[in-house]
PDB file of N, CA and C in Angstrom:
ATOM      1  N   MET A   1     109.770  87.379 112.273  1.00  0.00           N
ATOM      2  CA  MET A   1     110.766  87.845 111.000  1.00  0.00           C
ATOM      3  C   MET A   1     111.108  89.388 111.029  1.00  0.00           C
ATOM      4  N   GLU A   2     110.679  89.935 111.223  1.00  0.00           N
ATOM      5  CA  GLU A   2     110.658  91.790 111.241  1.00  0.00           C
ATOM      6  C   GLU A   2     111.317  92.119 112.460  1.00  0.00           C
ATOM      7  N   ASN A   3     111.633  93.203 112.507  1.00  0.00           N
ATOM      8  CA  ASN A   3     111.855  94.253 113.712  1.00  0.00           C
ATOM      9  C   ASN A   3     110.720  95.383 113.455  1.00  0.00           C
ATOM     10  N   LYS A   4     109.605  95.127 113.890  1.00  0.00           N
ATOM     11  CA  LYS A   4     108.698  95.825 114.006  1.00  0.00           C
ATOM     12  C   LYS A   4     108.980  97.436 114.492  1.00  0.00           C
ATOM     13  N   GLU A   5     109.480  97.090 115.761  1.00  0.00           N
ATOM     14  CA  GLU A   5     110.324  98.570 116.542  1.00  0.00           C
ATOM     15  C   GLU A   5     110.903  99.739 115.166  1.00  0.00           C
ATOM     16  N   SER A   6     111.598  99.449 114.510  1.00  0.00           N
ATOM     17  CA  SER A   6     112.785 100.017 113.754  1.00  0.00           C
ATOM     18  C   SER A   6     112.267  99.825 112.098  1.00  0.00           C
ATOM     19  N   ASN A   7     111.223  99.177 111.975  1.00  0.00           N
ATOM     20  CA  ASN A   7     110.592  99.056 110.444  1.00  0.00           C
ATOM     21  C   ASN A   7     111.617  98.184 109.505  1.00  0.00           C
ATOM     22  N   ILE A   8     112.820  97.630 110.033  1.00  0.00           N
ATOM     23  CA  ILE A   8     113.550  96.886 109.517  1.00  0.00           C
ATOM     24  C   ILE A   8     112.920  95.461 109.240  1.00  0.00           C
ATOM     25  N   TYR A   9     113.070  95.089 107.601  1.00  0.00           N
ATOM     26  CA  TYR A   9     112.583  93.572 107.070  1.00  0.00           C
ATOM     27  C   TYR A   9     113.736  92.938 106.404  1.00  0.00           C
ATOM     28  N   PRO A  10     113.993  92.166 106.740  1.00  0.00           N
ATOM     29  CA  PRO A  10     114.958  91.341 106.368  1.00  0.00           C
ATOM     30  C   PRO A  10     114.863  90.517 105.159  1.00  0.00           C
ATOM     31  N   VAL A  11     116.243  90.081 104.077  1.00  0.00           N
ATOM     32  CA  VAL A  11     115.854  89.394 103.291  1.00  0.00           C
ATOM     33  C   VAL A  11     114.858  88.357 103.430  1.00  0.00           C
ATOM     34  N   GLY A  12     114.314  88.098 102.759  1.00  0.00           N
ATOM     35  CA  GLY A  12     113.213  86.610 102.805  1.00  0.00           C
ATOM     36  C   GLY A  12     112.013  87.362 103.134  1.00  0.00           C
ATOM     37  N   ALA A  13     111.870  88.492 104.140  1.00  0.00           N
ATOM     38  CA  ALA A  13     110.530  88.527 104.845  1.00  0.00           C
ATOM     39  C   ALA A  13     109.383  88.949 103.864  1.00  0.00           C
ATOM     40  N   TYR A  14     108.082  89.005 104.037  1.00  0.00           N
ATOM     41  CA  TYR A  14     106.805  89.198 103.210  1.00  0.00           C
ATOM     42  C   TYR A  14     106.500  90.403 103.841  1.00  0.00           C
ATOM     43  N   VAL A  15     105.865  91.343 102.840  1.00  0.00           N
ATOM     44  CA  VAL A  15     105.480  92.478 103.335  1.00  0.00           C
ATOM     45  C   VAL A  15     104.252  92.929 102.413  1.00  0.00           C
ATOM     46  N   VAL A  16     103.524  93.950 102.471  1.00  0.00           N
ATOM     47  CA  VAL A  16     102.155  94.439 101.747  1.00  0.00           C
ATOM     48  C   VAL A  16     102.962  95.992 101.607  1.00  0.00           C
ATOM     49  N   LEU A  17     102.728  96.721 100.254  1.00  0.00           N
ATOM     50  CA  LEU A  17     103.001  97.973 100.074  1.00  0.00           C
ATOM     51  C   LEU A  17     101.990  98.480 100.089  1.00  0.00           C
ATOM     52  N   LEU A  18     102.102  99.269 100.726  1.00  0.00           N
ATOM     53  CA  LEU A  18     100.805 100.250 101.411  1.00  0.00           C
ATOM     54  C   LEU A  18     100.763 101.548 100.343  1.00  0.00           C
ATOM     55  N   THR A  19     101.750 102.356 100.314  1.00  0.00           N
ATOM     56  CA  THR A  19     101.774 103.942  99.273  1.00  0.00           C
ATOM     57  C   THR A  19     103.087 104.039  98.968  1.00  0.00           C
ATOM     58  N   VAL A  20     103.173 104.842  97.892  1.00  0.00           N
ATOM     59  CA  VAL A  20     104.192 105.185  97.202  1.00  0.00           C
ATOM     60  C   VAL A  20     104.418 106.703  97.059  1.00  0.00           C
ATOM     61  N   GLY A  21     105.526 107.192  97.334  1.00  0.00           N
ATOM     62  CA  GLY A  21     105.913 108.469  96.978  1.00  0.00           C
ATOM     63  C   GLY A  21     105.161 109.607  97.874  1.00  0.00           C
ATOM     64  N   LYS A  22     105.592 110.752  98.053  1.00  0.00           N
ATOM     65  CA  LYS A  22     105.233 111.832  98.686  1.00  0.00           C
ATOM     66  C   LYS A  22     104.064 112.287  99.216  1.00  0.00           C
ATOM     67  N   ASN A  23     103.300 111.692  98.343  1.00  0.00           N
ATOM     68  CA  ASN A  23     101.524 112.042  98.401  1.00  0.00           C
ATOM     69  C   ASN A  23     101.173 111.021  98.852  1.00  0.00           C
ATOM     70  N   LYS A  24     101.746 109.620  99.095  1.00  0.00           N
ATOM     71  CA  LYS A  24     101.415 108.824  99.535  1.00  0.00           C
ATOM     72  C   LYS A  24     100.244 108.073  98.519  1.00  0.00           C
ATOM     73  N   GLY A  25     100.541 107.624  97.307  1.00  0.00           N
ATOM     74  CA  GLY A  25      99.604 107.626  96.367  1.00  0.00           C
ATOM     75  C   GLY A  25      99.518 105.759  96.294  1.00  0.00           C
ATOM     76  N   LYS A  26      98.408 105.745  95.495  1.00  0.00           N
ATOM     77  CA  LYS A  26      98.023 103.955  95.445  1.00  0.00           C
ATOM     78  C   LYS A  26      98.842 103.797  94.320  1.00  0.00           C
ATOM     79  N   MET A  27      99.319 102.616  93.864  1.00  0.00           N
ATOM     80  CA  MET A  27      99.483 101.883  92.358  1.00  0.00           C
ATOM     81  C   MET A  27      98.620 100.936  91.989  1.00  0.00           C
ATOM     82  N   PRO A  28      97.963 101.070  91.064  1.00  0.00           N
ATOM     83  CA  PRO A  28      96.693  99.993  90.535  1.00  0.00           C
ATOM     84  C   PRO A  28      97.665  98.893  89.704  1.00  0.00           C
ATOM     85  N   LEU A  29      97.151  98.020  89.925  1.00  0.00           N
ATOM     86  CA  LEU A  29      97.733  96.604  89.260  1.00  0.00           C
ATOM     87  C   LEU A  29      97.833  96.945  87.170  1.00  0.00           C
ATOM     88  N   ASN A  30      96.622  97.580  87.159  1.00  0.00           N
ATOM     89  CA  ASN A  30      96.826  97.908  85.489  1.00  0.00           C
ATOM     90  C   ASN A  30      97.311  98.674  84.989  1.00  0.00           C
ATOM     91  N   GLN A  31      98.239  99.291  85.830  1.00  0.00           N
ATOM     92  CA  GLN A  31      99.122 100.495  85.660  1.00  0.00           C
ATOM     93  C   GLN A  31     100.949 100.494  85.318  1.00  0.00           C
ATOM     94  N   CYS A  32     100.928  99.575  86.559  1.00  0.00           N
ATOM     95  CA  CYS A  32     102.439  99.209  86.889  1.00  0.00           C
ATOM     96  C   CYS A  32     102.631  97.398  87.315  1.00  0.00           C
ATOM     97  N   SER A  33     103.817  96.672  87.448  1.00  0.00           N
ATOM     98  CA  SER A  33     103.607  95.571  87.753  1.00  0.00           C
ATOM     99  C   SER A  33     104.029  95.572  88.996  1.00  0.00           C
ATOM    100  N   ILE A  34     104.302  96.600  89.934  1.00  0.00           N
ATOM    101  CA  ILE A  34     104.089  96.803  91.653  1.00  0.00           C
ATOM    102  C   ILE A  34     103.183  97.455  91.995  1.00  0.00           C
ATOM    103  N   PRO A  35     102.357  97.260  92.248  1.00  0.00           N
ATOM    104  CA  PRO A  35     101.218  97.666  92.399  1.00  0.00           C
ATOM    105  C   PRO A  35     101.176  97.461  94.042  1.00  0.00           C
ATOM    106  N   THR A  36     100.148  98.660  94.843  1.00  0.00           N
ATOM    107  CA  THR A  36     100.155  98.717  96.093  1.00  0.00           C
ATOM    108  C   THR A  36      99.161  97.548  96.633  1.00  0.00           C
ATOM    109  N   ASP A  37      99.091  97.320  98.126  1.00  0.00           N
ATOM    110  CA  ASP A  37      98.045  96.706  98.619  1.00  0.00           C
ATOM    111  C   ASP A  37      98.214  95.186  97.842  1.00  0.00           C
ATOM    112  N   TYR A  38      99.626  94.989  97.583  1.00  0.00           N
ATOM    113  CA  TYR A  38      99.811  93.571  97.113  1.00  0.00           C
ATOM    114  C   TYR A  38     101.188  92.967  98.364  1.00  0.00           C
ATOM    115  N   VAL A  39     101.326  91.846  98.321  1.00  0.00           N
ATOM    116  CA  VAL A  39     101.933  90.896  99.353  1.00  0.00           C
ATOM    117  C   VAL A  39     103.438  91.006  98.591  1.00  0.00           C
ATOM    118  N   TYR A  40     104.358  90.962  98.756  1.00  0.00           N
ATOM    119  CA  TYR A  40     105.666  90.299  98.267  1.00  0.00           C
ATOM    120  C   TYR A  40     106.939  90.300  99.019  1.00  0.00           C
ATOM    121  N   LYS A  41     107.534  89.316  98.701  1.00  0.00           N
ATOM    122  CA  LYS A  41     108.785  88.892  99.226  1.00  0.00           C
ATOM    123  C   LYS A  41     110.060  89.560  98.770  1.00  0.00           C
ATOM    124  N   LEU A  42     111.027  89.859  99.958  1.00  0.00           N
ATOM    125  CA  LEU A  42     111.707  90.831  99.838  1.00  0.00           C
ATOM    126  C   LEU A  42     113.287  89.987  98.975  1.00  0.00           C
ATOM    127  N   ARG A  43     114.060  90.581  98.277  1.00  0.00           N
ATOM    128  CA  ARG A  43     115.364  90.285  97.881  1.00  0.00           C
ATOM    129  C   ARG A  43     116.229  90.698  98.307  1.00  0.00           C
ATOM    130  N   GLN A  44     115.981  92.206  99.220  1.00  0.00           N
ATOM    131  CA  GLN A  44     116.989  92.863  99.907  1.00  0.00           C
ATOM    132  C   GLN A  44     116.274  93.433 100.970  1.00  0.00           C
ATOM    133  N   ALA A  45     117.027  93.343 102.089  1.00  0.00           N
ATOM    134  CA  ALA A  45     116.536  94.109 103.549  1.00  0.00           C
ATOM    135  C   ALA A  45     115.902  95.658 103.247  1.00  0.00           C
ATOM    136  N   HIS A  46     114.755  95.493 104.122  1.00  0.00           N
ATOM    137  CA  HIS A  46     114.006  96.692 103.577  1.00  0.00           C
ATOM    138  C   HIS A  46     114.546  97.856 105.057  1.00  0.00           C
ATOM    139  N   ASN A  47     115.144  98.857 105.047  1.00  0.00           N
ATOM    140  CA  ASN A  47     115.182  99.575 106.038  1.00  0.00           C
ATOM    141  C   ASN A  47     114.553 101.212 106.055  1.00  0.00           C
ATOM    142  N   GLY A  48     113.487 100.853 105.054  1.00  0.00           N
ATOM    143  CA  GLY A  48     112.800 102.431 104.513  1.00  0.00           C
ATOM    144  C   GLY A  48     113.276 102.867 103.353  1.00  0.00           C
ATOM    145  N   GLU A  49     114.453 102.573 103.032  1.00  0.00           N
ATOM    146  CA  GLU A  49     115.051 103.496 101.928  1.00  0.00           C
ATOM    147  C   GLU A  49     114.766 102.279 100.847  1.00  0.00           C
ATOM    148  N   GLY A  50     113.395 102.625 100.223  1.00  0.00           N
ATOM    149  CA  GLY A  50     113.358 101.527  98.764  1.00  0.00           C
ATOM    150  C   GLY A  50     112.969  99.974  99.358  1.00  0.00           C
ATOM    151  N   ILE A  51     112.708  99.487  98.085  1.00  0.00           N
ATOM    152  CA  ILE A  51     112.025  98.246  98.368  1.00  0.00           C
ATOM    153  C   ILE A  51     112.396  97.679  97.334  1.00  0.00           C
ATOM    154  N   TYR A  52     112.985  96.206  97.254  1.00  0.00           N
ATOM    155  CA  TYR A  52     113.477  95.412  95.874  1.00  0.00           C
ATOM    156  C   TYR A  52     112.807  93.976  96.583  1.00  0.00           C
ATOM    157  N   LEU A  53     111.802  93.604  95.050  1.00  0.00           N
ATOM    158  CA  LEU A  53     111.407  92.475  95.536  1.00  0.00           C
ATOM    159  C   LEU A  53     112.135  91.165  94.840  1.00  0.00           C
ATOM    160  N   ASP A  54     111.635  89.933  95.393  1.00  0.00           N
ATOM    161  CA  ASP A  54     112.125  88.628  95.306  1.00  0.00           C
ATOM    162  C   ASP A  54     111.419  88.832  93.665  1.00  0.00           C
ATOM    163  N   LYS A  55     110.116  88.847  93.323  1.00  0.00           N
ATOM    164  CA  LYS A  55     109.572  89.109  91.806  1.00  0.00           C
ATOM    165  C   LYS A  55     108.296  90.057  92.111  1.00  0.00           C
ATOM    166  N   ASP A  56     107.964  90.847  90.716  1.00  0.00           N
ATOM    167  CA  ASP A  56     106.983  91.836  90.934  1.00  0.00           C
ATOM    168  C   ASP A  56     105.542  90.517  89.868  1.00  0.00           C
ATOM    169  N   THR A  57     105.085  91.500  89.996  1.00  0.00           N
ATOM    170  CA  THR A  57     103.563  90.862  89.739  1.00  0.00           C
ATOM    171  C   THR A  57     103.492  89.917  88.123  1.00  0.00           C
ATOM    172  N   LYS A  58     104.420  90.384  87.120  1.00  0.00           N
ATOM    173  CA  LYS A  58     104.965  90.002  86.179  1.00  0.00           C
ATOM    174  C   LYS A  58     106.330  89.035  86.134  1.00  0.00           C
ATOM    175  N   GLY A  59     106.686  88.697  87.273  1.00  0.00           N
ATOM    176  CA  GLY A  59     107.777  87.738  87.374  1.00  0.00           C
ATOM    177  C   GLY A  59     108.972  88.338  87.436  1.00  0.00           C
ATOM    178  N   SER A  60     109.143  89.534  87.154  1.00  0.00           N
ATOM    179  CA  SER A  60     110.706  90.107  87.214  1.00  0.00           C
ATOM    180  C   SER A  60     111.275  90.197  88.790  1.00  0.00           C
ATOM    181  N   ARG A  61     112.473  89.763  88.368  1.00  0.00           N
ATOM    182  CA  ARG A  61     113.678  89.366  89.707  1.00  0.00           C
ATOM    183  C   ARG A  61     113.967  90.628  89.935  1.00  0.00           C
ATOM    184  N   SER A  62     114.012  91.662  88.612  1.00  0.00           N
ATOM    185  CA  SER A  62     115.136  92.741  89.090  1.00  0.00           C
ATOM    186  C   SER A  62     114.285  94.401  89.161  1.00  0.00           C
ATOM    187  N   ASN A  63     113.326  94.019  90.004  1.00  0.00           N
ATOM    188  CA  ASN A  63     112.698  95.157  90.467  1.00  0.00           C
ATOM    189  C   ASN A  63     112.112  95.519  91.456  1.00  0.00           C
ATOM    190  N   GLY A  64     111.542  97.059  91.686  1.00  0.00           N
ATOM    191  CA  GLY A  64     111.506  97.795  93.162  1.00  0.00           C
ATOM    192  C   GLY A  64     111.416  99.057  92.945  1.00  0.00           C
ATOM    193  N   TYR A  65     111.436  99.581  93.911  1.00  0.00           N
ATOM    194  CA  TYR A  65     111.454 100.972  94.149  1.00  0.00           C
ATOM    195  C   TYR A  65     112.508 101.613  94.936  1.00  0.00           C
ATOM    196  N   SER A  66     113.244 102.673  94.285  1.00  0.00           N
ATOM    197  CA  SER A  66     114.207 103.219  95.162  1.00  0.00           C
ATOM    198  C   SER A  66     113.897 104.426  96.056  1.00  0.00           C
ATOM    199  N   THR A  67     112.645 105.059  95.743  1.00  0.00           N
ATOM    200  CA  THR A  67     112.285 106.504  96.904  1.00  0.00           C
ATOM    201  C   THR A  67     112.075 106.042  98.303  1.00  0.00           C
ATOM    202  N   LEU A  68     112.177 106.651  98.756  1.00  0.00           N
ATOM    203  CA  LEU A  68     112.235 106.924 100.284  1.00  0.00           C
ATOM    204  C   LEU A  68     111.005 106.716 101.180  1.00  0.00           C
ATOM    205  N   ASN A  69     109.981 107.396  99.923  1.00  0.00           N
ATOM    206  CA  ASN A  69     108.683 107.589 100.757  1.00  0.00           C
ATOM    207  C   ASN A  69     107.942 106.464 100.176  1.00  0.00           C
ATOM    208  N   LEU A  70     107.969 105.806 101.011  1.00  0.00           N
ATOM    209  CA  LEU A  70     106.838 104.401 101.240  1.00  0.00           C
ATOM    210  C   LEU A  70     106.648 103.738 102.482  1.00  0.00           C
ATOM    211  N   GLU A  71     105.163 103.001 102.254  1.00  0.00           N
ATOM    212  CA  GLU A  71     105.112 102.564 103.644  1.00  0.00           C
ATOM    213  C   GLU A  71     104.536 101.265 103.381  1.00  0.00           C
ATOM    214  N   VAL A  72     105.007 100.380 103.876  1.00  0.00           N
ATOM    215  CA  VAL A  72     104.871  98.825 104.212  1.00  0.00           C
ATOM    216  C   VAL A  72     104.522  98.686 105.636  1.00  0.00           C
ATOM    217  N   ARG A  73     104.153  97.283 105.624  1.00  0.00           N
ATOM    218  CA  ARG A  73     103.391  96.677 106.858  1.00  0.00           C
ATOM    219  C   ARG A  73     104.287  95.398 106.795  1.00  0.00           C
ATOM    220  N   ALA A  74     103.847  94.642 107.568  1.00  0.00           N
ATOM    221  CA  ALA A  74     104.182  93.111 107.354  1.00  0.00           C
ATOM    222  C   ALA A  74     102.794  92.485 107.239  1.00  0.00           C
ATOM    223  N   ALA A  75     103.565  91.439 106.343  1.00  0.00           N
ATOM    224  CA  ALA A  75     102.372  90.683 105.742  1.00  0.00           C
ATOM    225  C   ALA A  75     101.597  89.411 106.845  1.00  0.00           C
ATOM    226  N   THR A  76     100.448  88.937 106.938  1.00  0.00           N
ATOM    227  CA  THR A  76     100.162  88.405 107.846  1.00  0.00           C
ATOM    228  C   THR A  76     100.506  86.973 107.520  1.00  0.00           C
ATOM    229  N   GLU A  77     100.308  85.857 108.433  1.00  0.00           N
ATOM    230  CA  GLU A  77     100.703  84.948 108.461  1.00  0.00           C
ATOM    231  C   GLU A  77      99.819  84.357 107.233  1.00  0.00           C
ATOM    232  N   TYR A  78      98.234  84.325 106.882  1.00  0.00           N
ATOM    233  CA  TYR A  78      97.291  84.385 105.747  1.00  0.00           C
ATOM    234  C   TYR A  78      97.707  84.305 104.385  1.00  0.00           C
ATOM    235  N   GLU A  79      98.249  86.106 104.846  1.00  0.00           N
ATOM    236  CA  GLU A  79      98.941  86.351 103.302  1.00  0.00           C
ATOM    237  C   GLU A  79     100.157  85.925 102.724  1.00  0.00           C
ATOM    238  N   ILE A  80     100.608  85.538 103.708  1.00  0.00           N
ATOM    239  CA  ILE A  80     102.009  84.648 103.423  1.00  0.00           C
ATOM    240  C   ILE A  80     101.728  83.405 103.053  1.00  0.00           C
ATOM    241  N   ALA A  81     100.590  82.792 103.241  1.00  0.00           N
ATOM    242  CA  ALA A  81     100.430  81.435 102.960  1.00  0.00           C
ATOM    243  C   ALA A  81      99.623  81.891 101.202  1.00  0.00           C
ATOM    244  N   GLU A  82      99.230  82.745 101.321  1.00  0.00           N
ATOM    245  CA  GLU A  82      98.969  82.683  99.985  1.00  0.00           C
ATOM    246  C   GLU A  82      99.609  82.839  98.759  1.00  0.00           C
ATOM    247  N   TYR A  83     100.563  83.907  99.465  1.00  0.00           N
ATOM    248  CA  TYR A  83     101.666  84.238  98.848  1.00  0.00           C
ATOM    249  C   TYR A  83     102.626  82.912  98.039  1.00  0.00           C
ATOM    250  N   GLU A  84     102.936  82.068  99.040  1.00  0.00           N
ATOM    251  CA  GLU A  84     103.591  80.735  99.014  1.00  0.00           C
ATOM    252  C   GLU A  84     103.133  79.574  98.517  1.00  0.00           C
ATOM    253  N   LYS A  85     101.383  79.792  98.299  1.00  0.00           N
ATOM    254  CA  LYS A  85     100.575  79.027  97.547  1.00  0.00           C
ATOM    255  C   LYS A  85     100.992  78.909  95.876  1.00  0.00           C
ATOM    256  N   ASN A  86     100.952  80.762  95.930  1.00  0.00           N
ATOM    257  CA  ASN A  86     100.952  80.828  94.275  1.00  0.00           C
ATOM    258  C   ASN A  86     102.523  80.888  93.830  1.00  0.00           C
ATOM    259  N   ASP A  87     103.468  81.123  94.576  1.00  0.00           N
ATOM    260  CA  ASP A  87     104.801  81.436  94.352  1.00  0.00           C
ATOM    261  C   ASP A  87     105.043  82.774  93.499  1.00  0.00           C
ATOM    262  N   ALA A  88     103.721  83.449  93.876  1.00  0.00           N
ATOM    263  CA  ALA A  88     104.193  84.853  93.495  1.00  0.00           C
ATOM    264  C   ALA A  88     103.445  85.883  94.288  1.00  0.00           C
ATOM    265  N   PRO A  89     103.605  87.233  93.962  1.00  0.00           N
ATOM    266  CA  PRO A  89     102.795  88.348  94.761  1.00  0.00           C
ATOM    267  C   PRO A  89     101.138  88.417  94.602  1.00  0.00           C
ATOM    268  N   CYS A  90     100.587  88.804  95.621  1.00  0.00           N
ATOM    269  CA  CYS A  90      99.146  88.418  95.895  1.00  0.00           C
ATOM    270  C   CYS A  90      98.400  89.458  96.453  1.00  0.00           C
ATOM    271  N   PRO A  91      97.126  90.067  96.210  1.00  0.00           N
ATOM    272  CA  PRO A  91      96.749  91.005  96.807  1.00  0.00           C
ATOM    273  C   PRO A  91      96.502  90.666  98.244  1.00  0.00           C
ATOM    274  N   ALA A  92      96.628  91.769  99.262  1.00  0.00           N
ATOM    275  CA  ALA A  92      96.839  91.579 100.588  1.00  0.00           C
ATOM    276  C   ALA A  92      95.427  91.106 100.389  1.00  0.00           C
ATOM    277  N   ILE A  93      95.336  90.165 102.046  1.00  0.00           N
ATOM    278  CA  ILE A  93      93.632  90.057 102.174  1.00  0.00           C
ATOM    279  C   ILE A  93      93.395  90.748 103.630  1.00  0.00           C
ATOM    280  N   GLU A  94      92.406  91.697 103.331  1.00  0.00           N
ATOM    281  CA  GLU A  94      91.398  92.564 104.221  1.00  0.00           C
ATOM    282  C   GLU A  94      90.794  91.720 104.937  1.00  0.00           C
ATOM    283  N   ILE A  95      90.996  91.828 106.513  1.00  0.00           N
ATOM    284  CA  ILE A  95      90.775  91.007 107.501  1.00  0.00           C
ATOM    285  C   ILE A  95      89.396  92.029 108.058  1.00  0.00           C
ATOM    286  N   VAL A  96      88.085  91.782 107.620  1.00  0.00           N
ATOM    287  CA  VAL A  96      86.913  92.553 108.621  1.00  0.00           C
ATOM    288  C   VAL A  96      86.942  91.956 109.626  1.00  0.00           C
ATOM    289  N   VAL A  97      86.552  92.612 110.658  1.00  0.00           N
ATOM    290  CA  VAL A  97      86.268  92.326 112.110  1.00  0.00           C
ATOM    291  C   VAL A  97      84.749  93.608 112.609  1.00  0.00           C
ATOM    292  N   SER A  98      83.781  92.095 113.277  1.00  0.00           N
ATOM    293  CA  SER A  98      82.823  92.866 113.476  1.00  0.00           C
ATOM    294  C   SER A  98      82.536  93.878 114.590  1.00  0.00           C
ATOM    295  N   GLN A  99      82.114  94.596 114.532  1.00  0.00           N
ATOM    296  CA  GLN A  99      82.142  96.085 115.845  1.00  0.00           C
ATOM    297  C   GLN A  99      80.813  95.377 116.613  1.00  0.00           C
ATOM    298  N   ILE A 100      81.269  95.138 118.358  1.00  0.00           N
ATOM    299  CA  ILE A 100      80.399  95.106 119.181  1.00  0.00           C
ATOM    300  C   ILE A 100      79.761  96.541 119.919  1.00  0.00           C
ATOM    301  N   ILE A 101      78.146  96.571 119.553  1.00  0.00           N
ATOM    302  CA  ILE A 101      78.133  97.682 120.364  1.00  0.00           C
ATOM    303  C   ILE A 101      76.304  97.417 121.457  1.00  0.00           C
ATOM    304  N   ASN A 102      76.686  97.889 122.638  1.00  0.00           N
ATOM    305  CA  ASN A 102      75.792  97.298 123.549  1.00  0.00           C
ATOM    306  C   ASN A 102      75.874  95.751 123.722  1.00  0.00           C
ATOM    307  N   GLU A 103      76.862  95.360 123.260  1.00  0.00           N
ATOM    308  CA  GLU A 103      76.918  93.762 123.670  1.00  0.00           C
ATOM    309  C   GLU A 103      76.237  92.959 122.658  1.00  0.00           C
ATOM    310  N   TYR A 104      75.736  93.457 121.271  1.00  0.00           N
ATOM    311  CA  TYR A 104      75.127  92.909 120.169  1.00  0.00           C
ATOM    312  C   TYR A 104      76.283  92.818 118.921  1.00  0.00           C
ATOM    313  N   PRO A 105      76.317  92.273 118.657  1.00  0.00           N
ATOM    314  CA  PRO A 105      77.462  91.979 117.286  1.00  0.00           C
ATOM    315  C   PRO A 105      76.950  92.659 116.088  1.00  0.00           C
ATOM    316  N   ILE A 106      77.127  94.089 115.287  1.00  0.00           N
ATOM    317  CA  ILE A 106      76.667  94.686 114.283  1.00  0.00           C
ATOM    318  C   ILE A 106      77.541  94.096 112.950  1.00  0.00           C
ATOM    319  N   TYR A 107      76.871  93.787 111.878  1.00  0.00           N
ATOM    320  CA  TYR A 107      77.797  93.355 110.449  1.00  0.00           C
ATOM    321  C   TYR A 107      77.507  94.188 109.447  1.00  0.00           C
TER     322      TYR A 107
END
């Protein structure tokens, strides 16, 4: 759905907002309606210049960030399913992979 080579995400793509601003800051849910580490659906294509969402965590359909300093990644199939199940932005799902050392799994 997205072009990972050039970080262009089309309208309707699902992305996870990782950081905002020059200092790559995190925005917690209790401070804003567009927190980082949440899954969002795009209402406008994202090409590195701002991010405009189908809806924010409060249901607003006219919100977004216009800054150039954003980090996003494509949402996983599990994150997309969770968004669609709730029809709303949701926390990103952290996938934990066990590490194998000397052929024995370490948890």
